[in-house]
Protein backbone atom coordinates (compact mmCIF):
# COMPACT_ATOMS: atom_id res chain seq x y z
CA UNK A 1 -11.90 21.99 -53.58
CA UNK A 2 -12.55 23.04 -49.94
CA UNK A 3 -9.87 25.05 -48.20
CA UNK A 4 -7.57 23.10 -45.86
CA UNK A 5 -5.58 25.15 -43.36
CA UNK A 6 -2.39 23.76 -41.83
CA UNK A 7 -0.26 25.43 -39.15
CA UNK A 8 3.30 24.21 -38.74
CA UNK A 9 5.46 25.05 -35.73
CA UNK A 10 9.01 23.95 -35.11
CA UNK A 11 11.76 23.94 -32.46
CA UNK A 12 9.76 25.24 -29.50
CA UNK A 13 12.58 24.18 -27.11
CA UNK A 14 10.45 24.39 -23.98
CA UNK A 15 12.26 24.43 -20.64
CA UNK A 16 11.50 25.78 -17.17
CA UNK A 17 14.63 27.92 -17.14
CA UNK A 18 13.91 29.58 -20.51
CA UNK A 19 10.76 31.54 -19.78
CA UNK A 20 11.00 33.59 -22.98
CA UNK A 21 10.55 30.47 -25.09
CA UNK A 22 7.62 29.35 -22.95
CA UNK A 23 5.99 32.78 -23.36
CA UNK A 24 6.48 32.50 -27.13
CA UNK A 25 4.78 29.10 -27.11
CA UNK A 26 1.77 30.57 -25.28
CA UNK A 27 1.49 33.30 -27.93
CA UNK A 28 1.62 30.70 -30.69
CA UNK A 29 -1.03 28.65 -28.87
CA UNK A 30 -3.31 31.68 -28.66
CA UNK A 31 -2.87 32.27 -32.41
CA UNK A 32 -3.74 28.65 -33.16
CA UNK A 33 -6.81 28.83 -30.93
CA UNK A 34 -7.93 32.00 -32.70
CA UNK A 35 -7.40 30.75 -36.27
CA UNK A 36 -8.60 27.14 -35.72
CA UNK A 37 -6.57 25.39 -38.46
CA UNK A 38 -7.58 21.93 -39.68
CA UNK A 39 -4.22 20.46 -38.71
CA UNK A 40 -1.31 21.53 -36.49
CA UNK A 41 2.11 19.96 -37.09
CA UNK A 42 5.03 20.33 -34.67
CA UNK A 43 8.03 19.29 -36.74
CA UNK A 44 10.87 20.23 -34.43
CA UNK A 45 12.27 19.76 -30.95
CA UNK A 46 9.52 20.24 -28.38
CA UNK A 47 11.75 20.41 -25.31
CA UNK A 48 15.13 22.08 -24.97
CA UNK A 49 16.66 19.66 -22.49
CA UNK A 50 15.91 16.98 -19.95
CA UNK A 51 13.62 17.54 -16.93
CA UNK A 52 14.95 20.53 -14.97
CA UNK A 53 13.09 20.19 -11.69
CA UNK A 54 13.23 17.38 -9.16
CA UNK A 55 9.42 17.03 -9.21
CA UNK A 56 9.42 16.33 -12.96
CA UNK A 57 10.29 12.67 -12.47
CA UNK A 58 8.26 11.95 -9.33
CA UNK A 59 5.43 10.29 -11.28
CA UNK A 60 7.91 7.97 -13.01
CA UNK A 61 9.65 7.20 -9.72
CA UNK A 62 6.29 6.03 -8.40
CA UNK A 63 6.05 3.52 -11.27
CA UNK A 64 9.67 2.46 -10.92
CA UNK A 65 9.20 1.69 -7.21
CA UNK A 66 5.84 -0.09 -7.58
CA UNK A 67 5.58 -3.84 -7.00
CA UNK A 68 2.93 -4.04 -9.73
CA UNK A 69 1.58 -1.52 -12.22
CA UNK A 70 -2.10 -1.62 -13.15
CA UNK A 71 -3.34 0.38 -16.14
CA UNK A 72 -7.02 1.32 -16.42
CA UNK A 73 -8.42 2.86 -19.59
CA UNK A 74 -11.90 2.26 -20.92
CA UNK A 75 -13.89 3.03 -24.06
CA UNK A 76 -11.97 5.64 -26.09
CA UNK A 77 -9.06 5.51 -23.63
CA UNK A 78 -8.60 1.75 -24.02
CA UNK A 79 -6.11 2.19 -26.86
CA UNK A 80 -3.94 4.49 -24.72
CA UNK A 81 -3.98 1.96 -21.88
CA UNK A 82 -3.05 -0.89 -24.20
CA UNK A 83 -0.17 1.11 -25.68
CA UNK A 84 1.24 1.91 -22.23
CA UNK A 85 0.72 -1.70 -21.12
CA UNK A 86 2.64 -2.97 -24.15
CA UNK A 87 5.55 -0.58 -23.78
CA UNK A 88 6.01 -1.14 -20.04
CA UNK A 89 5.82 -4.90 -20.43
CA UNK A 90 8.74 -4.84 -22.85
CA UNK A 91 11.02 -4.34 -19.85
CA UNK A 92 8.76 -5.20 -16.88
CA UNK A 93 6.83 -8.20 -18.24
CA UNK A 94 5.93 -9.70 -14.87
CA UNK A 95 4.83 -6.49 -13.14
CA UNK A 96 2.36 -4.79 -15.49
CA UNK A 97 -1.31 -5.64 -15.98
CA UNK A 98 -4.21 -4.14 -17.89
CA UNK A 99 -7.31 -3.71 -15.72
CA UNK A 100 -10.01 -5.88 -17.27
CA UNK A 101 -7.49 -7.38 -19.68
CA UNK A 102 -8.24 -10.99 -18.79
CA UNK A 103 -11.71 -10.79 -17.30
CA UNK A 104 -14.18 -8.49 -15.51
CA UNK A 105 -12.40 -5.40 -14.19
CA UNK A 106 -14.01 -5.74 -10.75
CA UNK A 107 -11.87 -8.83 -10.12
CA UNK A 108 -8.74 -6.78 -10.80
CA UNK A 109 -9.91 -3.99 -8.49
CA UNK A 110 -9.95 -6.51 -5.65
CA UNK A 111 -6.33 -7.41 -6.42
CA UNK A 112 -4.95 -3.90 -5.87
CA UNK A 113 -2.50 -3.77 -2.97
CA UNK A 114 -0.46 -1.18 -1.12
CA UNK A 115 2.83 -0.83 -2.97
CA UNK A 116 1.14 -1.07 -6.37
CA UNK A 117 0.71 1.85 -8.77
CA UNK A 118 -2.60 2.35 -10.55
CA UNK A 119 -2.70 4.45 -13.73
CA UNK A 120 -6.20 5.63 -14.67
CA UNK A 121 -6.82 7.37 -18.01
CA UNK A 122 -9.94 9.36 -18.78
CA UNK A 123 -11.62 12.49 -20.11
CA UNK A 124 -15.14 13.93 -20.00
CA UNK A 125 -17.62 12.32 -20.05
CA UNK A 126 -15.85 10.01 -17.59
CA UNK A 127 -16.56 6.29 -17.61
CA UNK A 128 -17.89 4.74 -14.43
CA UNK A 129 -15.20 2.06 -14.69
CA UNK A 130 -12.40 4.64 -14.56
CA UNK A 131 -13.85 6.20 -11.41
CA UNK A 132 -14.28 2.74 -9.84
CA UNK A 133 -10.62 1.97 -10.62
CA UNK A 134 -9.48 5.18 -8.94
CA UNK A 135 -11.59 4.45 -5.87
CA UNK A 136 -10.19 0.93 -5.78
CA UNK A 137 -6.69 2.40 -5.69
CA UNK A 138 -7.63 4.57 -2.72
CA UNK A 139 -9.20 1.67 -0.82
CA UNK A 140 -6.13 -0.51 -1.29
CA UNK A 141 -3.58 2.14 -0.37
CA UNK A 142 -1.96 1.91 -3.81
CA UNK A 143 -0.47 4.97 -5.50
CA UNK A 144 -2.79 6.60 -8.05
CA UNK A 145 -1.57 8.31 -11.22
CA UNK A 146 -4.34 10.01 -13.22
CA UNK A 147 -3.94 10.91 -16.88
CA UNK A 148 -6.88 13.25 -17.30
CA UNK A 149 -8.25 16.30 -19.09
CA UNK A 150 -8.85 18.27 -15.88
CA UNK A 151 -7.59 18.42 -12.31
CA UNK A 152 -11.23 18.21 -11.20
CA UNK A 153 -11.85 14.95 -13.10
CA UNK A 154 -13.60 12.48 -10.75
CA UNK A 155 -11.02 9.76 -11.44
CA UNK A 156 -8.23 12.24 -10.52
CA UNK A 157 -9.64 13.09 -7.10
CA UNK A 158 -7.01 12.43 -4.43
CA UNK A 159 -4.47 11.17 -6.98
CA UNK A 160 -0.79 11.13 -6.05
CA UNK A 161 0.04 12.54 -9.49
CA UNK A 162 -2.17 14.14 -12.15
CA UNK A 163 -0.87 14.40 -15.74
CA UNK A 164 -3.07 16.62 -17.88
CA UNK A 165 -3.87 16.53 -21.58
CA UNK A 166 -6.25 18.55 -23.75
CA UNK A 167 -8.99 16.36 -25.17
CA UNK A 168 -11.40 19.05 -26.35
CA UNK A 169 -9.03 20.94 -28.67
CA UNK A 170 -9.67 18.76 -31.71
CA UNK A 171 -11.33 20.63 -34.61
CA UNK A 172 -13.21 17.47 -35.49
CA UNK A 173 -16.10 15.66 -33.82
CA UNK A 174 -13.96 13.15 -31.91
CA UNK A 175 -11.89 14.29 -28.91
CA UNK A 176 -8.13 14.21 -29.40
CA UNK A 177 -6.11 11.52 -27.61
CA UNK A 178 -2.78 12.80 -28.94
CA UNK A 179 -1.84 14.35 -25.61
CA UNK A 180 -2.75 11.21 -23.66
CA UNK A 181 -0.67 9.08 -26.01
CA UNK A 182 2.31 11.43 -25.62
CA UNK A 183 2.02 11.24 -21.83
CA UNK A 184 1.79 7.44 -21.94
CA UNK A 185 4.91 7.17 -24.09
CA UNK A 186 6.77 9.62 -21.86
CA UNK A 187 5.82 7.58 -18.79
CA UNK A 188 7.16 4.41 -20.40
CA UNK A 189 10.36 6.09 -21.59
CA UNK A 190 11.25 7.74 -18.28
CA UNK A 191 10.39 4.61 -16.29
CA UNK A 192 12.70 2.66 -18.59
CA UNK A 193 15.53 5.12 -17.96
CA UNK A 194 15.04 4.84 -14.20
CA UNK A 195 15.26 1.06 -14.54
CA UNK A 196 18.88 1.39 -15.62
CA UNK A 197 20.93 -1.60 -16.68
CA UNK A 198 18.31 -4.09 -15.49
CA UNK A 199 15.57 -2.58 -17.66
CA UNK A 200 17.90 -2.45 -20.65
CA UNK A 201 18.80 -6.12 -20.22
CA UNK A 202 15.14 -7.18 -19.99
CA UNK A 203 14.27 -5.13 -23.07
CA UNK A 204 17.09 -6.80 -25.00
CA UNK A 205 15.86 -10.22 -23.85
CA UNK A 206 12.32 -9.38 -24.99
CA UNK A 207 13.50 -8.15 -28.39
CA UNK A 208 15.67 -11.24 -28.85
CA UNK A 209 12.74 -13.53 -28.00
CA UNK A 210 10.44 -11.72 -30.43
CA UNK A 211 13.05 -11.98 -33.17
CA UNK A 212 13.54 -15.71 -32.46
CA UNK A 213 9.78 -16.22 -32.74
CA UNK A 214 9.79 -14.45 -36.11
CA UNK A 215 7.40 -11.75 -34.95
CA UNK A 216 8.92 -9.25 -37.36
CA UNK A 217 9.10 -9.32 -41.15
CA UNK A 218 12.65 -9.86 -42.40
CA UNK A 219 14.33 -6.97 -44.22
């Protein structure tokens, strides 16, 4: 039976104000990079506390203030875009759209407006559609949030906010989208919190409607 190596880490408790814990995490990361296990499991608390710097929530504030939110993810990144689209629409059903979700994406690019927020997701090699979406955001004056594997990614050029994930760290053939998924879920969660009572009410209405339509299996 071939050897399978698993590395488990727990309770990293990352926080800006606790630099010792951050330094420890970097040392663990270097060990993981050197040993190249087949699977890494983080089974504990990743962060120690809530965001500790005023800039931490700026990307979510951009979404909260946007008239409409457009999400662009193509090829491998389509699943991340669809997940974020689904989660945001649970509490902002009339303000969130998937680029290319109901037709050719070029029609959606022409609908971008100032006051909108465009989220573009991508990693190398970058799809032409993701770069076109980013350029469409610039032309329209909309805010651009890039979820990318590098600051120099072409779809992140000139972005208002760049959220980075590591796509090339997977030990397998296929790039890892775990980081992009985590960022997408964090975006949805923090945007929901900023929505306050109104977002909570709309989420409850959505859940009640889904239950009434028997979308879930009964216990």
